[in-house]
Amino acid sequence: AHRASADRFAANILPVVDSIRASGISSHAGIAAALN
């Protein structure tokens, strides 16, 4: 159940991360800052 919940959360957030990457931010720290 925990794994399924984490997978659902990831599926919802990954499009946001993809848009951040498309704007030119590629480092993990940069993506974290953009999400925050």
Full PDB file with SEQRES, HELIX, SHEET, SSBOND, CRYST1, ORIGX, SCALE, CONECT and MASTER records, all heavy atoms in Angstrom:
SEQRES   1 A   36  ALA HIS ARG ALA SER ALA ASP ARG PHE ALA ALA ASN ILE          
SEQRES   2 A   36  LEU PRO VAL VAL ASP SER ILE ARG ALA SER GLY ILE SER          
SEQRES   3 A   36  SER HIS ALA GLY ILE ALA ALA ALA LEU ASN                      
HELIX    1 AA1 HIS A    2  ALA A   22  1                                  21    
HELIX    2 AA2 HIS A   28  LEU A   35  1                                   8    
CRYST1    1.000    1.000    1.000  90.00  90.00  90.00 P 1           1          
ORIGX1      1.000000  0.000000  0.000000        0.00000                         
ORIGX2      0.000000  1.000000  0.000000        0.00000                         
ORIGX3      0.000000  0.000000  1.000000        0.00000                         
SCALE1      1.000000  0.000000  0.000000        0.00000                         
SCALE2      0.000000  1.000000  0.000000        0.00000                         
SCALE3      0.000000  0.000000  1.000000        0.00000                         
ATOM      1  N   ALA A   1       0.831  -1.200   0.000  1.00  0.00           N  
ATOM      2  CA  ALA A   1       0.000   0.000   0.000  1.00  0.00           C  
ATOM      3  C   ALA A   1       0.868   1.254   0.000  1.00  0.00           C  
ATOM      4  O   ALA A   1       0.568   2.230  -0.701  1.00  0.00           O  
ATOM      5  CB  ALA A   1      -0.923  -0.004   1.213  1.00  0.00           C  
ATOM      6  N   HIS A   2       1.949   1.225   0.779  1.00  0.00           N  
ATOM      7  CA  HIS A   2       2.867   2.376   0.825  1.00  0.00           C  
ATOM      8  C   HIS A   2       3.521   2.593  -0.541  1.00  0.00           C  
ATOM      9  O   HIS A   2       3.635   3.728  -1.014  1.00  0.00           O  
ATOM     10  CB  HIS A   2       3.924   2.152   1.903  1.00  0.00           C  
ATOM     11  CG  HIS A   2       4.915   3.254   2.009  1.00  0.00           C  
ATOM     12  ND1 HIS A   2       4.596   4.490   2.507  1.00  0.00           N  
ATOM     13  CD2 HIS A   2       6.224   3.324   1.650  1.00  0.00           C  
ATOM     14  CE1 HIS A   2       5.653   5.270   2.457  1.00  0.00           C  
ATOM     15  NE2 HIS A   2       6.653   4.591   1.945  1.00  0.00           N  
ATOM     16  N   ARG A   3       3.935   1.504  -1.165  1.00  0.00           N  
ATOM     17  CA  ARG A   3       4.570   1.597  -2.484  1.00  0.00           C  
ATOM     18  C   ARG A   3       3.582   2.160  -3.513  1.00  0.00           C  
ATOM     19  O   ARG A   3       3.933   3.014  -4.330  1.00  0.00           O  
ATOM     20  CB  ARG A   3       5.072   0.225  -2.917  1.00  0.00           C  
ATOM     21  CG  ARG A   3       5.884   0.263  -4.198  1.00  0.00           C  
ATOM     22  CD  ARG A   3       6.464  -1.100  -4.580  1.00  0.00           C  
ATOM     23  NE  ARG A   3       7.399  -1.559  -3.568  1.00  0.00           N  
ATOM     24  CZ  ARG A   3       7.236  -2.670  -2.839  1.00  0.00           C  
ATOM     25  NH1 ARG A   3       6.178  -3.422  -3.008  1.00  0.00           N  
ATOM     26  NH2 ARG A   3       8.135  -3.021  -1.955  1.00  0.00           N  
ATOM     27  N   ALA A   4       2.331   1.682  -3.462  1.00  0.00           N  
ATOM     28  CA  ALA A   4       1.323   2.169  -4.405  1.00  0.00           C  
ATOM     29  C   ALA A   4       1.053   3.656  -4.199  1.00  0.00           C  
ATOM     30  O   ALA A   4       0.907   4.411  -5.171  1.00  0.00           O  
ATOM     31  CB  ALA A   4       0.030   1.359  -4.252  1.00  0.00           C  
ATOM     32  N   SER A   5       0.998   4.082  -2.948  1.00  0.00           N  
ATOM     33  CA  SER A   5       0.782   5.494  -2.647  1.00  0.00           C  
ATOM     34  C   SER A   5       1.947   6.340  -3.168  1.00  0.00           C  
ATOM     35  O   SER A   5       1.738   7.410  -3.749  1.00  0.00           O  
ATOM     36  CB  SER A   5       0.622   5.675  -1.136  1.00  0.00           C  
ATOM     37  OG  SER A   5       0.548   7.034  -0.805  1.00  0.00           O  
ATOM     38  N   ALA A   6       3.162   5.860  -2.967  1.00  0.00           N  
ATOM     39  CA  ALA A   6       4.341   6.585  -3.455  1.00  0.00           C  
ATOM     40  C   ALA A   6       4.354   6.643  -4.974  1.00  0.00           C  
ATOM     41  O   ALA A   6       4.721   7.674  -5.558  1.00  0.00           O  
ATOM     42  CB  ALA A   6       5.615   5.929  -2.928  1.00  0.00           C  
ATOM     43  N   ASP A   7       3.947   5.569  -5.611  1.00  0.00           N  
ATOM     44  CA  ASP A   7       3.892   5.561  -7.080  1.00  0.00           C  
ATOM     45  C   ASP A   7       2.856   6.562  -7.602  1.00  0.00           C  
ATOM     46  O   ASP A   7       3.101   7.257  -8.593  1.00  0.00           O  
ATOM     47  CB  ASP A   7       3.574   4.156  -7.597  1.00  0.00           C  
ATOM     48  CG  ASP A   7       4.735   3.189  -7.440  1.00  0.00           C  
ATOM     49  OD1 ASP A   7       5.887   3.647  -7.267  1.00  0.00           O  
ATOM     50  OD2 ASP A   7       4.493   1.960  -7.483  1.00  0.00           O  
ATOM     51  N   ARG A   8       1.688   6.630  -6.936  1.00  0.00           N  
ATOM     52  CA  ARG A   8       0.661   7.602  -7.344  1.00  0.00           C  
ATOM     53  C   ARG A   8       1.171   9.026  -7.169  1.00  0.00           C  
ATOM     54  O   ARG A   8       0.974   9.882  -8.045  1.00  0.00           O  
ATOM     55  CB  ARG A   8      -0.624   7.399  -6.540  1.00  0.00           C  
ATOM     56  CG  ARG A   8      -1.464   6.223  -6.990  1.00  0.00           C  
ATOM     57  CD  ARG A   8      -2.843   6.234  -6.330  1.00  0.00           C  
ATOM     58  NE  ARG A   8      -2.776   6.231  -4.872  1.00  0.00           N  
ATOM     59  CZ  ARG A   8      -2.659   5.151  -4.129  1.00  0.00           C  
ATOM     60  NH1 ARG A   8      -2.588   3.963  -4.700  1.00  0.00           N  
ATOM     61  NH2 ARG A   8      -2.626   5.238  -2.811  1.00  0.00           N  
ATOM     62  N   PHE A   9       1.830   9.280  -6.044  1.00  0.00           N  
ATOM     63  CA  PHE A   9       2.372  10.622  -5.806  1.00  0.00           C  
ATOM     64  C   PHE A   9       3.398  10.971  -6.877  1.00  0.00           C  
ATOM     65  O   PHE A   9       3.374  12.075  -7.434  1.00  0.00           O  
ATOM     66  CB  PHE A   9       3.004  10.698  -4.408  1.00  0.00           C  
ATOM     67  CG  PHE A   9       3.584  12.044  -4.112  1.00  0.00           C  
ATOM     68  CD1 PHE A   9       2.780  13.101  -3.726  1.00  0.00           C  
ATOM     69  CD2 PHE A   9       4.950  12.264  -4.233  1.00  0.00           C  
ATOM     70  CE1 PHE A   9       3.312  14.354  -3.467  1.00  0.00           C  
ATOM     71  CE2 PHE A   9       5.489  13.512  -3.978  1.00  0.00           C  
ATOM     72  CZ  PHE A   9       4.666  14.559  -3.591  1.00  0.00           C  
ATOM     73  N   ALA A  10       4.274  10.035  -7.187  1.00  0.00           N  
ATOM     74  CA  ALA A  10       5.304  10.281  -8.212  1.00  0.00           C  
ATOM     75  C   ALA A  10       4.663  10.567  -9.559  1.00  0.00           C  
ATOM     76  O   ALA A  10       5.109  11.468 -10.285  1.00  0.00           O  
ATOM     77  CB  ALA A  10       6.245   9.085  -8.301  1.00  0.00           C  
ATOM     78  N   ALA A  11       3.625   9.813  -9.896  1.00  0.00           N  
ATOM     79  CA  ALA A  11       2.953  10.020 -11.177  1.00  0.00           C  
ATOM     80  C   ALA A  11       2.349  11.425 -11.261  1.00  0.00           C  
ATOM     81  O   ALA A  11       2.322  12.026 -12.346  1.00  0.00           O  
ATOM     82  CB  ALA A  11       1.871   8.968 -11.380  1.00  0.00           C  
ATOM     83  N   ASN A  12       1.883  11.970 -10.147  1.00  0.00           N  
ATOM     84  CA  ASN A  12       1.305  13.314 -10.137  1.00  0.00           C  
ATOM     85  C   ASN A  12       2.367  14.406 -10.198  1.00  0.00           C  
ATOM     86  O   ASN A  12       2.126  15.475 -10.763  1.00  0.00           O  
ATOM     87  CB  ASN A  12       0.451  13.517  -8.880  1.00  0.00           C  
ATOM     88  CG  ASN A  12      -0.836  12.732  -8.934  1.00  0.00           C  
ATOM     89  OD1 ASN A  12      -1.366  12.447  -9.997  1.00  0.00           O  
ATOM     90  ND2 ASN A  12      -1.346  12.367  -7.772  1.00  0.00           N  
ATOM     91  N   ILE A  13       3.533  14.163  -9.618  1.00  0.00           N  
ATOM     92  CA  ILE A  13       4.568  15.190  -9.526  1.00  0.00           C  
ATOM     93  C   ILE A  13       5.508  15.183 -10.739  1.00  0.00           C  
ATOM     94  O   ILE A  13       6.051  16.222 -11.122  1.00  0.00           O  
ATOM     95  CB  ILE A  13       5.393  15.013  -8.222  1.00  0.00           C  
ATOM     96  CG1 ILE A  13       4.491  15.208  -7.008  1.00  0.00           C  
ATOM     97  CG2 ILE A  13       6.565  15.960  -8.146  1.00  0.00           C  
ATOM     98  CD1 ILE A  13       3.908  16.590  -6.878  1.00  0.00           C  
ATOM     99  N   LEU A  14       5.701  14.045 -11.357  1.00  0.00           N  
ATOM    100  CA  LEU A  14       6.663  13.963 -12.466  1.00  0.00           C  
ATOM    101  C   LEU A  14       6.358  14.919 -13.620  1.00  0.00           C  
ATOM    102  O   LEU A  14       7.300  15.487 -14.197  1.00  0.00           O  
ATOM    103  CB  LEU A  14       6.790  12.525 -12.962  1.00  0.00           C  
ATOM    104  CG  LEU A  14       7.637  11.638 -12.036  1.00  0.00           C  
ATOM    105  CD1 LEU A  14       7.567  10.181 -12.480  1.00  0.00           C  
ATOM    106  CD2 LEU A  14       9.067  12.117 -11.990  1.00  0.00           C  
ATOM    107  N   PRO A  15       5.099  15.178 -13.982  1.00  0.00           N  
ATOM    108  CA  PRO A  15       4.870  16.185 -15.033  1.00  0.00           C  
ATOM    109  C   PRO A  15       5.364  17.578 -14.636  1.00  0.00           C  
ATOM    110  O   PRO A  15       5.878  18.329 -15.474  1.00  0.00           O  
ATOM    111  CB  PRO A  15       3.346  16.175 -15.215  1.00  0.00           C  
ATOM    112  CG  PRO A  15       2.925  14.824 -14.765  1.00  0.00           C  
ATOM    113  CD  PRO A  15       3.858  14.468 -13.651  1.00  0.00           C  
ATOM    114  N   VAL A  16       5.256  17.910 -13.360  1.00  0.00           N  
ATOM    115  CA  VAL A  16       5.756  19.203 -12.881  1.00  0.00           C  
ATOM    116  C   VAL A  16       7.281  19.228 -13.001  1.00  0.00           C  
ATOM    117  O   VAL A  16       7.869  20.216 -13.451  1.00  0.00           O  
ATOM    118  CB  VAL A  16       5.312  19.460 -11.421  1.00  0.00           C  
ATOM    119  CG1 VAL A  16       5.885  20.759 -10.900  1.00  0.00           C  
ATOM    120  CG2 VAL A  16       3.797  19.439 -11.309  1.00  0.00           C  
ATOM    121  N   VAL A  17       7.915  18.120 -12.619  1.00  0.00           N  
ATOM    122  CA  VAL A  17       9.373  18.019 -12.715  1.00  0.00           C  
ATOM    123  C   VAL A  17       9.810  18.105 -14.178  1.00  0.00           C  
ATOM    124  O   VAL A  17      10.806  18.760 -14.499  1.00  0.00           O  
ATOM    125  CB  VAL A  17       9.877  16.725 -12.043  1.00  0.00           C  
ATOM    126  CG1 VAL A  17      11.359  16.513 -12.300  1.00  0.00           C  
ATOM    127  CG2 VAL A  17       9.599  16.768 -10.540  1.00  0.00           C  
ATOM    128  N   ASP A  18       9.049  17.465 -15.051  1.00  0.00           N  
ATOM    129  CA  ASP A  18       9.385  17.523 -16.484  1.00  0.00           C  
ATOM    130  C   ASP A  18       9.315  18.958 -17.006  1.00  0.00           C  
ATOM    131  O   ASP A  18      10.164  19.373 -17.809  1.00  0.00           O  
ATOM    132  CB  ASP A  18       8.445  16.618 -17.286  1.00  0.00           C  
ATOM    133  CG  ASP A  18       8.712  15.144 -17.058  1.00  0.00           C  
ATOM    134  OD1 ASP A  18       9.826  14.796 -16.588  1.00  0.00           O  
ATOM    135  OD2 ASP A  18       7.805  14.327 -17.320  1.00  0.00           O  
ATOM    136  N   SER A  19       8.328  19.724 -16.548  1.00  0.00           N  
ATOM    137  CA  SER A  19       8.246  21.117 -17.004  1.00  0.00           C  
ATOM    138  C   SER A  19       9.407  21.944 -16.450  1.00  0.00           C  
ATOM    139  O   SER A  19       9.902  22.855 -17.125  1.00  0.00           O  
ATOM    140  CB  SER A  19       6.901  21.734 -16.601  1.00  0.00           C  
ATOM    141  OG  SER A  19       6.842  21.961 -15.210  1.00  0.00           O  
ATOM    142  N   ILE A  20       9.838  21.630 -15.237  1.00  0.00           N  
ATOM    143  CA  ILE A  20      11.003  22.324 -14.665  1.00  0.00           C  
ATOM    144  C   ILE A  20      12.251  21.982 -15.470  1.00  0.00           C  
ATOM    145  O   ILE A  20      13.065  22.859 -15.787  1.00  0.00           O  
ATOM    146  CB  ILE A  20      11.170  21.954 -13.170  1.00  0.00           C  
ATOM    147  CG1 ILE A  20      10.015  22.534 -12.352  1.00  0.00           C  
ATOM    148  CG2 ILE A  20      12.509  22.434 -12.632  1.00  0.00           C  
ATOM    149  CD1 ILE A  20       9.941  22.046 -10.932  1.00  0.00           C  
ATOM    150  N   ARG A  21      12.396  20.708 -15.822  1.00  0.00           N  
ATOM    151  CA  ARG A  21      13.555  20.298 -16.634  1.00  0.00           C  
ATOM    152  C   ARG A  21      13.515  20.965 -18.003  1.00  0.00           C  
ATOM    153  O   ARG A  21      14.562  21.337 -18.552  1.00  0.00           O  
ATOM    154  CB  ARG A  21      13.570  18.781 -16.800  1.00  0.00           C  
ATOM    155  CG  ARG A  21      14.009  18.038 -15.561  1.00  0.00           C  
ATOM    156  CD  ARG A  21      13.805  16.571 -15.797  1.00  0.00           C  
ATOM    157  NE  ARG A  21      14.859  15.778 -15.214  1.00  0.00           N  
ATOM    158  CZ  ARG A  21      14.873  14.466 -15.220  1.00  0.00           C  
ATOM    159  NH1 ARG A  21      13.911  13.791 -15.818  1.00  0.00           N  
ATOM    160  NH2 ARG A  21      15.853  13.806 -14.646  1.00  0.00           N  
ATOM    161  N   ALA A  22      12.311  21.105 -18.577  1.00  0.00           N  
ATOM    162  CA  ALA A  22      12.185  21.732 -19.897  1.00  0.00           C  
ATOM    163  C   ALA A  22      12.604  23.196 -19.852  1.00  0.00           C  
ATOM    164  O   ALA A  22      13.024  23.753 -20.877  1.00  0.00           O  
ATOM    165  CB  ALA A  22      10.743  21.610 -20.396  1.00  0.00           C  
ATOM    166  N   SER A  23      12.507  23.810 -18.683  1.00  0.00           N  
ATOM    167  CA  SER A  23      12.920  25.211 -18.568  1.00  0.00           C  
ATOM    168  C   SER A  23      14.433  25.353 -18.429  1.00  0.00           C  
ATOM    169  O   SER A  23      14.943  26.467 -18.324  1.00  0.00           O  
ATOM    170  CB  SER A  23      12.219  25.872 -17.375  1.00  0.00           C  
ATOM    171  OG  SER A  23      12.755  25.388 -16.157  1.00  0.00           O  
ATOM    172  N   GLY A  24      15.157  24.210 -18.396  1.00  0.00           N  
ATOM    173  CA  GLY A  24      16.613  24.263 -18.372  1.00  0.00           C  
ATOM    174  C   GLY A  24      17.238  23.894 -17.045  1.00  0.00           C  
ATOM    175  O   GLY A  24      18.459  23.873 -16.921  1.00  0.00           O  
ATOM    176  N   ILE A  25      16.452  23.624 -16.045  1.00  0.00           N  
ATOM    177  CA  ILE A  25      16.993  23.230 -14.738  1.00  0.00           C  
ATOM    178  C   ILE A  25      17.119  21.714 -14.727  1.00  0.00           C  
ATOM    179  O   ILE A  25      16.135  21.000 -14.905  1.00  0.00           O  
ATOM    180  CB  ILE A  25      16.074  23.695 -13.593  1.00  0.00           C  
ATOM    181  CG1 ILE A  25      15.941  25.210 -13.621  1.00  0.00           C  
ATOM    182  CG2 ILE A  25      16.600  23.214 -12.251  1.00  0.00           C  
ATOM    183  CD1 ILE A  25      14.895  25.749 -12.666  1.00  0.00           C  
ATOM    184  N   SER A  26      18.350  21.228 -14.528  1.00  0.00           N  
ATOM    185  CA  SER A  26      18.535  19.778 -14.616  1.00  0.00           C  
ATOM    186  C   SER A  26      19.099  19.148 -13.342  1.00  0.00           C  
ATOM    187  O   SER A  26      18.981  17.940 -13.158  1.00  0.00           O  
ATOM    188  CB  SER A  26      19.451  19.439 -15.789  1.00  0.00           C  
ATOM    189  OG  SER A  26      20.707  20.056 -15.599  1.00  0.00           O  
ATOM    190  N   SER A  27      19.702  19.943 -12.466  1.00  0.00           N  
ATOM    191  CA  SER A  27      20.286  19.352 -11.258  1.00  0.00           C  
ATOM    192  C   SER A  27      19.183  19.039 -10.249  1.00  0.00           C  
ATOM    193  O   SER A  27      18.131  19.675 -10.223  1.00  0.00           O  
ATOM    194  CB  SER A  27      21.306  20.296 -10.627  1.00  0.00           C  
ATOM    195  OG  SER A  27      20.642  21.397 -10.021  1.00  0.00           O  
ATOM    196  N   HIS A  28      19.448  18.051  -9.422  1.00  0.00           N  
ATOM    197  CA  HIS A  28      18.479  17.685  -8.390  1.00  0.00           C  
ATOM    198  C   HIS A  28      18.225  18.838  -7.436  1.00  0.00           C  
ATOM    199  O   HIS A  28      17.075  19.102  -7.056  1.00  0.00           O  
ATOM    200  CB  HIS A  28      18.961  16.455  -7.617  1.00  0.00           C  
ATOM    201  CG  HIS A  28      19.011  15.217  -8.451  1.00  0.00           C  
ATOM    202  ND1 HIS A  28      19.779  14.137  -8.118  1.00  0.00           N  
ATOM    203  CD2 HIS A  28      18.396  14.872  -9.607  1.00  0.00           C  
ATOM    204  CE1 HIS A  28      19.635  13.193  -9.024  1.00  0.00           C  
ATOM    205  NE2 HIS A  28      18.806  13.620  -9.941  1.00  0.00           N  
ATOM    206  N   ALA A  29      19.295  19.550  -7.068  1.00  0.00           N  
ATOM    207  CA  ALA A  29      19.148  20.688  -6.165  1.00  0.00           C  
ATOM    208  C   ALA A  29      18.335  21.803  -6.819  1.00  0.00           C  
ATOM    209  O   ALA A  29      17.492  22.445  -6.165  1.00  0.00           O  
ATOM    210  CB  ALA A  29      20.511  21.216  -5.738  1.00  0.00           C  
ATOM    211  N   GLY A  30      18.560  22.016  -8.095  1.00  0.00           N  
ATOM    212  CA  GLY A  30      17.800  23.043  -8.824  1.00  0.00           C  
ATOM    213  C   GLY A  30      16.326  22.691  -8.934  1.00  0.00           C  
ATOM    214  O   GLY A  30      15.455  23.553  -8.764  1.00  0.00           O  
ATOM    215  N   ILE A  31      16.052  21.433  -9.206  1.00  0.00           N  
ATOM    216  CA  ILE A  31      14.655  20.991  -9.292  1.00  0.00           C  
ATOM    217  C   ILE A  31      13.986  21.123  -7.926  1.00  0.00           C  
ATOM    218  O   ILE A  31      12.842  21.577  -7.827  1.00  0.00           O  
ATOM    219  CB  ILE A  31      14.574  19.537  -9.817  1.00  0.00           C  
ATOM    220  CG1 ILE A  31      15.071  19.470 -11.267  1.00  0.00           C  
ATOM    221  CG2 ILE A  31      13.161  18.988  -9.711  1.00  0.00           C  
ATOM    222  CD1 ILE A  31      15.275  18.054 -11.799  1.00  0.00           C  
ATOM    223  N   ALA A  32      14.714  20.757  -6.860  1.00  0.00           N  
ATOM    224  CA  ALA A  32      14.167  20.878  -5.507  1.00  0.00           C  
ATOM    225  C   ALA A  32      13.841  22.333  -5.197  1.00  0.00           C  
ATOM    226  O   ALA A  32      12.761  22.640  -4.663  1.00  0.00           O  
ATOM    227  CB  ALA A  32      15.157  20.327  -4.488  1.00  0.00           C  
ATOM    228  N   ALA A  33      14.737  23.226  -5.537  1.00  0.00           N  
ATOM    229  CA  ALA A  33      14.501  24.652  -5.289  1.00  0.00           C  
ATOM    230  C   ALA A  33      13.289  25.146  -6.070  1.00  0.00           C  
ATOM    231  O   ALA A  33      12.473  25.924  -5.553  1.00  0.00           O  
ATOM    232  CB  ALA A  33      15.746  25.466  -5.651  1.00  0.00           C  
ATOM    233  N   ALA A  34      13.147  24.699  -7.320  1.00  0.00           N  
ATOM    234  CA  ALA A  34      12.010  25.117  -8.145  1.00  0.00           C  
ATOM    235  C   ALA A  34      10.695  24.580  -7.579  1.00  0.00           C  
ATOM    236  O   ALA A  34       9.682  25.290  -7.555  1.00  0.00           O  
ATOM    237  CB  ALA A  34      12.208  24.645  -9.586  1.00  0.00           C  
ATOM    238  N   LEU A  35      10.699  23.333  -7.132  1.00  0.00           N  
ATOM    239  CA  LEU A  35       9.482  22.769  -6.525  1.00  0.00           C  
ATOM    240  C   LEU A  35       9.109  23.530  -5.254  1.00  0.00           C  
ATOM    241  O   LEU A  35       7.928  23.827  -5.027  1.00  0.00           O  
ATOM    242  CB  LEU A  35       9.682  21.279  -6.216  1.00  0.00           C  
ATOM    243  CG  LEU A  35       9.694  20.337  -7.418  1.00  0.00           C  
ATOM    244  CD1 LEU A  35      10.178  18.949  -7.011  1.00  0.00           C  
ATOM    245  CD2 LEU A  35       8.317  20.249  -8.047  1.00  0.00           C  
ATOM    246  N   ASN A  36      10.104  23.843  -4.427  1.00  0.00           N  
ATOM    247  CA  ASN A  36       9.839  24.603  -3.208  1.00  0.00           C  
ATOM    248  C   ASN A  36       9.319  25.999  -3.534  1.00  0.00           C  
ATOM    249  O   ASN A  36       8.410  26.499  -2.870  1.00  0.00           O  
ATOM    250  CB  ASN A  36      11.097  24.683  -2.339  1.00  0.00           C  
ATOM    251  CG  ASN A  36      11.430  23.341  -1.706  1.00  0.00           C  
ATOM    252  OD1 ASN A  36      10.550  22.545  -1.392  1.00  0.00           O  
ATOM    253  ND2 ASN A  36      12.718  23.094  -1.536  1.00  0.00           N  
TER     254      ASN A  36                                                      
MASTER        0    0    0    2    0    0    0    6  253    1    0    3          
END                                                                             
